[in-house]
Amino acid sequence: MPRAHAASWAARRRLERLGRVPLPIVDEVDYIRSILRQRRCSTALISSRYDARSSLILTSNETLSAWAEIFGDPVAVAAIARAD
């Protein structure tokens, strides 16, 4: 199995496991990247929780402006900022 494909498969498996947790709590937003290894997976996690009308708790010592760099998606960060 090529490395890129294996990494993608592993990220999907992590995303599936996180999706089964009743209330995931990510205690440091930047940790999402290190767990999932791909920015689009972190956005997929947030989107899947939103679509399922399920909660997700994110904490960070970073400012919201730094979240755009972490998530790689300023639109998603704007939506998160409004969800308080």
PDB file of N, CA and C in Angstrom:
ATOM      1  N   MET A   1       0.852  -1.173   0.000  1.00  0.00           N
ATOM      2  CA  MET A   1       0.000   0.000   0.000  1.00  0.00           C
ATOM      3  C   MET A   1       0.901   1.240   0.000  1.00  0.00           C
ATOM      4  N   PRO A   2       0.724   2.167  -0.948  1.00  0.00           N
ATOM      5  CA  PRO A   2       1.532   3.387  -0.972  1.00  0.00           C
ATOM      6  C   PRO A   2       1.344   4.193   0.315  1.00  0.00           C
ATOM      7  N   ARG A   3       2.382   4.931   0.696  1.00  0.00           N
ATOM      8  CA  ARG A   3       2.349   5.698   1.952  1.00  0.00           C
ATOM      9  C   ARG A   3       1.210   6.693   2.007  1.00  0.00           C
ATOM     10  N   ALA A   4       0.991   7.444   0.927  1.00  0.00           N
ATOM     11  CA  ALA A   4      -0.070   8.456   0.925  1.00  0.00           C
ATOM     12  C   ALA A   4      -1.431   7.807   1.137  1.00  0.00           C
ATOM     13  N   HIS A   5      -1.649   6.675   0.482  1.00  0.00           N
ATOM     14  CA  HIS A   5      -2.925   5.972   0.631  1.00  0.00           C
ATOM     15  C   HIS A   5      -3.081   5.444   2.057  1.00  0.00           C
ATOM     16  N   ALA A   6      -2.011   4.912   2.619  1.00  0.00           N
ATOM     17  CA  ALA A   6      -2.052   4.388   3.988  1.00  0.00           C
ATOM     18  C   ALA A   6      -2.340   5.504   4.986  1.00  0.00           C
ATOM     19  N   ALA A   7      -1.725   6.666   4.793  1.00  0.00           N
ATOM     20  CA  ALA A   7      -1.960   7.803   5.687  1.00  0.00           C
ATOM     21  C   ALA A   7      -3.399   8.278   5.580  1.00  0.00           C
ATOM     22  N   SER A   8      -3.922   8.315   4.362  1.00  0.00           N
ATOM     23  CA  SER A   8      -5.304   8.733   4.155  1.00  0.00           C
ATOM     24  C   SER A   8      -6.268   7.754   4.816  1.00  0.00           C
ATOM     25  N   TRP A   9      -5.993   6.469   4.677  1.00  0.00           N
ATOM     26  CA  TRP A   9      -6.842   5.444   5.278  1.00  0.00           C
ATOM     27  C   TRP A   9      -6.812   5.554   6.797  1.00  0.00           C
ATOM     28  N   ALA A  10      -5.633   5.765   7.359  1.00  0.00           N
ATOM     29  CA  ALA A  10      -5.493   5.896   8.814  1.00  0.00           C
ATOM     30  C   ALA A  10      -6.235   7.126   9.325  1.00  0.00           C
ATOM     31  N   ALA A  11      -6.162   8.221   8.585  1.00  0.00           N
ATOM     32  CA  ALA A  11      -6.879   9.436   8.982  1.00  0.00           C
ATOM     33  C   ALA A  11      -8.383   9.206   8.959  1.00  0.00           C
ATOM     34  N   ARG A  12      -8.870   8.488   7.955  1.00  0.00           N
ATOM     35  CA  ARG A  12     -10.313   8.186   7.898  1.00  0.00           C
ATOM     36  C   ARG A  12     -10.738   7.324   9.079  1.00  0.00           C
ATOM     37  N   ARG A  13      -9.907   6.362   9.445  1.00  0.00           N
ATOM     38  CA  ARG A  13     -10.222   5.499  10.597  1.00  0.00           C
ATOM     39  C   ARG A  13     -10.278   6.314  11.888  1.00  0.00           C
ATOM     40  N   ARG A  14      -9.339   7.242  12.056  1.00  0.00           N
ATOM     41  CA  ARG A  14      -9.355   8.106  13.247  1.00  0.00           C
ATOM     42  C   ARG A  14     -10.613   8.958  13.266  1.00  0.00           C
ATOM     43  N   LEU A  15     -10.973   9.480  12.111  1.00  0.00           N
ATOM     44  CA  LEU A  15     -12.176  10.298  12.005  1.00  0.00           C
ATOM     45  C   LEU A  15     -13.415   9.482  12.361  1.00  0.00           C
ATOM     46  N   GLU A  16     -13.489   8.251  11.888  1.00  0.00           N
ATOM     47  CA  GLU A  16     -14.621   7.379  12.219  1.00  0.00           C
ATOM     48  C   GLU A  16     -14.693   7.115  13.721  1.00  0.00           C
ATOM     49  N   ARG A  17     -13.551   6.855  14.338  1.00  0.00           N
ATOM     50  CA  ARG A  17     -13.537   6.598  15.793  1.00  0.00           C
ATOM     51  C   ARG A  17     -13.981   7.831  16.562  1.00  0.00           C
ATOM     52  N   LEU A  18     -13.493   8.997  16.168  1.00  0.00           N
ATOM     53  CA  LEU A  18     -13.918  10.227  16.837  1.00  0.00           C
ATOM     54  C   LEU A  18     -15.406  10.478  16.638  1.00  0.00           C
ATOM     55  N   GLY A  19     -15.935  10.080  15.489  1.00  0.00           N
ATOM     56  CA  GLY A  19     -17.356  10.261  15.207  1.00  0.00           C
ATOM     57  C   GLY A  19     -18.253   9.424  16.102  1.00  0.00           C
ATOM     58  N   ARG A  20     -17.730   8.352  16.660  1.00  0.00           N
ATOM     59  CA  ARG A  20     -18.520   7.486  17.545  1.00  0.00           C
ATOM     60  C   ARG A  20     -18.511   7.953  19.002  1.00  0.00           C
ATOM     61  N   VAL A  21     -17.645   8.880  19.324  1.00  0.00           N
ATOM     62  CA  VAL A  21     -17.580   9.394  20.693  1.00  0.00           C
ATOM     63  C   VAL A  21     -18.783  10.311  20.915  1.00  0.00           C
ATOM     64  N   PRO A  22     -19.555  10.109  21.999  1.00  0.00           N
ATOM     65  CA  PRO A  22     -20.751  10.925  22.219  1.00  0.00           C
ATOM     66  C   PRO A  22     -20.472  12.431  22.289  1.00  0.00           C
ATOM     67  N   LEU A  23     -19.400  12.826  22.966  1.00  0.00           N
ATOM     68  CA  LEU A  23     -19.048  14.240  23.047  1.00  0.00           C
ATOM     69  C   LEU A  23     -17.530  14.377  23.028  1.00  0.00           C
ATOM     70  N   PRO A  24     -16.955  14.482  21.820  1.00  0.00           N
ATOM     71  CA  PRO A  24     -15.498  14.641  21.750  1.00  0.00           C
ATOM     72  C   PRO A  24     -15.069  15.986  22.335  1.00  0.00           C
ATOM     73  N   ILE A  25     -14.039  15.960  23.133  1.00  0.00           N
ATOM     74  CA  ILE A  25     -13.458  17.180  23.693  1.00  0.00           C
ATOM     75  C   ILE A  25     -12.010  17.233  23.227  1.00  0.00           C
ATOM     76  N   VAL A  26     -11.705  18.226  22.432  1.00  0.00           N
ATOM     77  CA  VAL A  26     -10.341  18.408  21.927  1.00  0.00           C
ATOM     78  C   VAL A  26      -9.731  19.551  22.722  1.00  0.00           C
ATOM     79  N   ASP A  27      -8.833  19.195  23.632  1.00  0.00           N
ATOM     80  CA  ASP A  27      -8.242  20.181  24.531  1.00  0.00           C
ATOM     81  C   ASP A  27      -6.971  20.746  23.916  1.00  0.00           C
ATOM     82  N   GLU A  28      -7.109  21.514  22.961  1.00  0.00           N
ATOM     83  CA  GLU A  28      -6.109  22.278  22.222  1.00  0.00           C
ATOM     84  C   GLU A  28      -6.362  22.027  20.746  1.00  0.00           C
ATOM     85  N   VAL A  29      -6.842  23.043  20.098  1.00  0.00           N
ATOM     86  CA  VAL A  29      -7.275  22.933  18.711  1.00  0.00           C
ATOM     87  C   VAL A  29      -6.174  22.412  17.801  1.00  0.00           C
ATOM     88  N   ASP A  30      -4.958  22.824  18.020  1.00  0.00           N
ATOM     89  CA  ASP A  30      -3.862  22.386  17.156  1.00  0.00           C
ATOM     90  C   ASP A  30      -3.655  20.872  17.234  1.00  0.00           C
ATOM     91  N   TYR A  31      -4.155  20.238  18.303  1.00  0.00           N
ATOM     92  CA  TYR A  31      -4.034  18.792  18.466  1.00  0.00           C
ATOM     93  C   TYR A  31      -4.821  18.044  17.393  1.00  0.00           C
ATOM     94  N   ILE A  32      -5.878  18.652  16.876  1.00  0.00           N
ATOM     95  CA  ILE A  32      -6.655  18.019  15.801  1.00  0.00           C
ATOM     96  C   ILE A  32      -5.732  17.671  14.643  1.00  0.00           C
ATOM     97  N   ARG A  33      -4.885  18.621  14.268  1.00  0.00           N
ATOM     98  CA  ARG A  33      -3.969  18.364  13.155  1.00  0.00           C
ATOM     99  C   ARG A  33      -3.038  17.202  13.455  1.00  0.00           C
ATOM    100  N   SER A  34      -2.512  17.150  14.661  1.00  0.00           N
ATOM    101  CA  SER A  34      -1.561  16.079  14.969  1.00  0.00           C
ATOM    102  C   SER A  34      -2.244  14.720  15.039  1.00  0.00           C
ATOM    103  N   ILE A  35      -3.511  14.681  15.444  1.00  0.00           N
ATOM    104  CA  ILE A  35      -4.239  13.409  15.479  1.00  0.00           C
ATOM    105  C   ILE A  35      -4.620  12.980  14.068  1.00  0.00           C
ATOM    106  N   LEU A  36      -5.197  13.863  13.335  1.00  0.00           N
ATOM    107  CA  LEU A  36      -5.757  13.501  12.035  1.00  0.00           C
ATOM    108  C   LEU A  36      -4.767  13.624  10.888  1.00  0.00           C
ATOM    109  N   ARG A  37      -3.719  14.402  11.093  1.00  0.00           N
ATOM    110  CA  ARG A  37      -2.645  14.559  10.113  1.00  0.00           C
ATOM    111  C   ARG A  37      -3.067  15.243   8.814  1.00  0.00           C
ATOM    112  N   GLN A  38      -4.314  15.582   8.677  1.00  0.00           N
ATOM    113  CA  GLN A  38      -4.763  16.254   7.459  1.00  0.00           C
ATOM    114  C   GLN A  38      -5.789  17.304   7.835  1.00  0.00           C
ATOM    115  N   ARG A  39      -5.614  18.507   7.308  1.00  0.00           N
ATOM    116  CA  ARG A  39      -6.537  19.592   7.643  1.00  0.00           C
ATOM    117  C   ARG A  39      -7.961  19.285   7.223  1.00  0.00           C
ATOM    118  N   ARG A  40      -8.137  18.703   6.055  1.00  0.00           N
ATOM    119  CA  ARG A  40      -9.509  18.480   5.597  1.00  0.00           C
ATOM    120  C   ARG A  40     -10.239  17.479   6.482  1.00  0.00           C
ATOM    121  N   CYS A  41      -9.503  16.621   7.173  1.00  0.00           N
ATOM    122  CA  CYS A  41     -10.141  15.693   8.116  1.00  0.00           C
ATOM    123  C   CYS A  41     -10.674  16.436   9.327  1.00  0.00           C
ATOM    124  N   SER A  42      -9.946  17.463   9.796  1.00  0.00           N
ATOM    125  CA  SER A  42     -10.453  18.227  10.930  1.00  0.00           C
ATOM    126  C   SER A  42     -11.721  18.961  10.541  1.00  0.00           C
ATOM    127  N   THR A  43     -11.755  19.500   9.323  1.00  0.00           N
ATOM    128  CA  THR A  43     -12.969  20.146   8.836  1.00  0.00           C
ATOM    129  C   THR A  43     -14.073  19.113   8.678  1.00  0.00           C
ATOM    130  N   ALA A  44     -13.738  17.918   8.224  1.00  0.00           N
ATOM    131  CA  ALA A  44     -14.733  16.852   8.078  1.00  0.00           C
ATOM    132  C   ALA A  44     -15.303  16.452   9.431  1.00  0.00           C
ATOM    133  N   LEU A  45     -14.466  16.417  10.466  1.00  0.00           N
ATOM    134  CA  LEU A  45     -14.949  16.093  11.806  1.00  0.00           C
ATOM    135  C   LEU A  45     -15.976  17.121  12.258  1.00  0.00           C
ATOM    136  N   ILE A  46     -15.649  18.385  12.102  1.00  0.00           N
ATOM    137  CA  ILE A  46     -16.565  19.449  12.508  1.00  0.00           C
ATOM    138  C   ILE A  46     -17.843  19.385  11.689  1.00  0.00           C
ATOM    139  N   SER A  47     -17.720  19.191  10.382  1.00  0.00           N
ATOM    140  CA  SER A  47     -18.901  19.108   9.511  1.00  0.00           C
ATOM    141  C   SER A  47     -19.780  17.922   9.863  1.00  0.00           C
ATOM    142  N   SER A  48     -19.165  16.771  10.134  1.00  0.00           N
ATOM    143  CA  SER A  48     -19.964  15.587  10.451  1.00  0.00           C
ATOM    144  C   SER A  48     -20.698  15.765  11.773  1.00  0.00           C
ATOM    145  N   ARG A  49     -20.061  16.400  12.752  1.00  0.00           N
ATOM    146  CA  ARG A  49     -20.736  16.661  14.027  1.00  0.00           C
ATOM    147  C   ARG A  49     -21.894  17.628  13.812  1.00  0.00           C
ATOM    148  N   TYR A  50     -21.682  18.641  12.982  1.00  0.00           N
ATOM    149  CA  TYR A  50     -22.739  19.607  12.687  1.00  0.00           C
ATOM    150  C   TYR A  50     -23.905  18.923  11.976  1.00  0.00           C
ATOM    151  N   ASP A  51     -23.603  18.146  10.955  1.00  0.00           N
ATOM    152  CA  ASP A  51     -24.651  17.460  10.190  1.00  0.00           C
ATOM    153  C   ASP A  51     -25.461  16.506  11.058  1.00  0.00           C
ATOM    154  N   ALA A  52     -24.820  15.874  12.023  1.00  0.00           N
ATOM    155  CA  ALA A  52     -25.501  14.930  12.908  1.00  0.00           C
ATOM    156  C   ALA A  52     -26.155  15.640  14.098  1.00  0.00           C
ATOM    157  N   ARG A  53     -26.040  16.965  14.119  1.00  0.00           N
ATOM    158  CA  ARG A  53     -26.552  17.765  15.235  1.00  0.00           C
ATOM    159  C   ARG A  53     -25.971  17.275  16.561  1.00  0.00           C
ATOM    160  N   SER A  54     -24.686  16.937  16.515  1.00  0.00           N
ATOM    161  CA  SER A  54     -23.961  16.456  17.688  1.00  0.00           C
ATOM    162  C   SER A  54     -22.949  17.507  18.124  1.00  0.00           C
ATOM    163  N   SER A  55     -22.674  17.528  19.388  1.00  0.00           N
ATOM    164  CA  SER A  55     -21.762  18.527  19.947  1.00  0.00           C
ATOM    165  C   SER A  55     -20.303  18.117  19.807  1.00  0.00           C
ATOM    166  N   LEU A  56     -19.464  19.122  19.852  1.00  0.00           N
ATOM    167  CA  LEU A  56     -18.014  18.954  19.820  1.00  0.00           C
ATOM    168  C   LEU A  56     -17.440  20.105  20.625  1.00  0.00           C
ATOM    169  N   ILE A  57     -16.580  19.819  21.567  1.00  0.00           N
ATOM    170  CA  ILE A  57     -15.962  20.869  22.372  1.00  0.00           C
ATOM    171  C   ILE A  57     -14.514  21.029  21.928  1.00  0.00           C
ATOM    172  N   LEU A  58     -14.160  22.269  21.578  1.00  0.00           N
ATOM    173  CA  LEU A  58     -12.791  22.612  21.190  1.00  0.00           C
ATOM    174  C   LEU A  58     -12.282  23.672  22.154  1.00  0.00           C
ATOM    175  N   THR A  59     -11.071  23.505  22.641  1.00  0.00           N
ATOM    176  CA  THR A  59     -10.459  24.531  23.473  1.00  0.00           C
ATOM    177  C   THR A  59      -9.122  24.918  22.857  1.00  0.00           C
ATOM    178  N   SER A  60      -8.679  26.129  23.178  1.00  0.00           N
ATOM    179  CA  SER A  60      -7.392  26.569  22.666  1.00  0.00           C
ATOM    180  C   SER A  60      -6.912  27.792  23.421  1.00  0.00           C
ATOM    181  N   ASN A  61      -5.614  27.932  23.501  1.00  0.00           N
ATOM    182  CA  ASN A  61      -5.013  29.157  24.017  1.00  0.00           C
ATOM    183  C   ASN A  61      -4.737  30.132  22.881  1.00  0.00           C
ATOM    184  N   GLU A  62      -5.003  29.704  21.665  1.00  0.00           N
ATOM    185  CA  GLU A  62      -4.776  30.542  20.487  1.00  0.00           C
ATOM    186  C   GLU A  62      -5.953  31.495  20.283  1.00  0.00           C
ATOM    187  N   THR A  63      -5.681  32.613  19.622  1.00  0.00           N
ATOM    188  CA  THR A  63      -6.757  33.529  19.260  1.00  0.00           C
ATOM    189  C   THR A  63      -7.530  32.936  18.086  1.00  0.00           C
ATOM    190  N   LEU A  64      -8.747  33.410  17.875  1.00  0.00           N
ATOM    191  CA  LEU A  64      -9.535  32.905  16.749  1.00  0.00           C
ATOM    192  C   LEU A  64      -8.841  33.159  15.417  1.00  0.00           C
ATOM    193  N   SER A  65      -8.092  34.252  15.317  1.00  0.00           N
ATOM    194  CA  SER A  65      -7.387  34.506  14.056  1.00  0.00           C
ATOM    195  C   SER A  65      -6.340  33.420  13.784  1.00  0.00           C
ATOM    196  N   ALA A  66      -5.763  32.838  14.814  1.00  0.00           N
ATOM    197  CA  ALA A  66      -4.792  31.747  14.632  1.00  0.00           C
ATOM    198  C   ALA A  66      -5.487  30.453  14.224  1.00  0.00           C
ATOM    199  N   TRP A  67      -6.772  30.324  14.550  1.00  0.00           N
ATOM    200  CA  TRP A  67      -7.509  29.112  14.192  1.00  0.00           C
ATOM    201  C   TRP A  67      -7.585  28.939  12.679  1.00  0.00           C
ATOM    202  N   ALA A  68      -7.665  30.030  11.937  1.00  0.00           N
ATOM    203  CA  ALA A  68      -7.733  29.937  10.472  1.00  0.00           C
ATOM    204  C   ALA A  68      -6.495  29.233   9.930  1.00  0.00           C
ATOM    205  N   GLU A  69      -5.349  29.508  10.513  1.00  0.00           N
ATOM    206  CA  GLU A  69      -4.123  28.828  10.080  1.00  0.00           C
ATOM    207  C   GLU A  69      -4.152  27.356  10.489  1.00  0.00           C
ATOM    208  N   ILE A  70      -4.642  27.086  11.679  1.00  0.00           N
ATOM    209  CA  ILE A  70      -4.701  25.708  12.168  1.00  0.00           C
ATOM    210  C   ILE A  70      -5.634  24.871  11.309  1.00  0.00           C
ATOM    211  N   PHE A  71      -6.834  25.407  11.030  1.00  0.00           N
ATOM    212  CA  PHE A  71      -7.815  24.657  10.256  1.00  0.00           C
ATOM    213  C   PHE A  71      -7.619  24.794   8.759  1.00  0.00           C
ATOM    214  N   GLY A  72      -6.943  25.865   8.331  1.00  0.00           N
ATOM    215  CA  GLY A  72      -6.739  26.070   6.909  1.00  0.00           C
ATOM    216  C   GLY A  72      -8.004  26.487   6.188  1.00  0.00           C
ATOM    217  N   ASP A  73      -9.002  26.965   6.942  1.00  0.00           N
ATOM    218  CA  ASP A  73     -10.288  27.332   6.341  1.00  0.00           C
ATOM    219  C   ASP A  73     -10.903  28.486   7.119  1.00  0.00           C
ATOM    220  N   PRO A  74     -10.700  29.734   6.659  1.00  0.00           N
ATOM    221  CA  PRO A  74     -11.233  30.892   7.375  1.00  0.00           C
ATOM    222  C   PRO A  74     -12.760  30.878   7.496  1.00  0.00           C
ATOM    223  N   VAL A  75     -13.447  30.292   6.526  1.00  0.00           N
ATOM    224  CA  VAL A  75     -14.914  30.231   6.572  1.00  0.00           C
ATOM    225  C   VAL A  75     -15.369  29.336   7.723  1.00  0.00           C
ATOM    226  N   ALA A  76     -14.712  28.196   7.896  1.00  0.00           N
ATOM    227  CA  ALA A  76     -15.050  27.294   9.004  1.00  0.00           C
ATOM    228  C   ALA A  76     -14.792  27.973  10.340  1.00  0.00           C
ATOM    229  N   VAL A  77     -13.706  28.712  10.438  1.00  0.00           N
ATOM    230  CA  VAL A  77     -13.387  29.407  11.683  1.00  0.00           C
ATOM    231  C   VAL A  77     -14.434  30.468  11.981  1.00  0.00           C
ATOM    232  N   ALA A  78     -14.881  31.184  10.956  1.00  0.00           N
ATOM    233  CA  ALA A  78     -15.930  32.184  11.155  1.00  0.00           C
ATOM    234  C   ALA A  78     -17.210  31.525  11.654  1.00  0.00           C
ATOM    235  N   ALA A  79     -17.536  30.360  11.123  1.00  0.00           N
ATOM    236  CA  ALA A  79     -18.731  29.634  11.569  1.00  0.00           C
ATOM    237  C   ALA A  79     -18.572  29.168  13.011  1.00  0.00           C
ATOM    238  N   ILE A  80     -17.395  28.696  13.369  1.00  0.00           N
ATOM    239  CA  ILE A  80     -17.140  28.260  14.742  1.00  0.00           C
ATOM    240  C   ILE A  80     -17.267  29.441  15.695  1.00  0.00           C
ATOM    241  N   ALA A  81     -16.720  30.574  15.304  1.00  0.00           N
ATOM    242  CA  ALA A  81     -16.760  31.761  16.156  1.00  0.00           C
ATOM    243  C   ALA A  81     -18.192  32.214  16.414  1.00  0.00           C
ATOM    244  N   ARG A  82     -19.086  31.957  15.486  1.00  0.00           N
ATOM    245  CA  ARG A  82     -20.485  32.370  15.640  1.00  0.00           C
ATOM    246  C   ARG A  82     -21.317  31.345  16.393  1.00  0.00           C
ATOM    247  N   ALA A  83     -20.763  30.187  16.635  1.00  0.00           N
ATOM    248  CA  ALA A  83     -21.532  29.097  17.238  1.00  0.00           C
ATOM    249  C   ALA A  83     -21.515  29.127  18.758  1.00  0.00           C
ATOM    250  N   ASP A  84     -21.107  30.246  19.346  1.00  0.00           N
ATOM    251  CA  ASP A  84     -21.015  30.267  20.813  1.00  0.00           C
ATOM    252  C   ASP A  84     -22.328  30.451  21.486  1.00  0.00           C
TER     253      ASP A  84
END
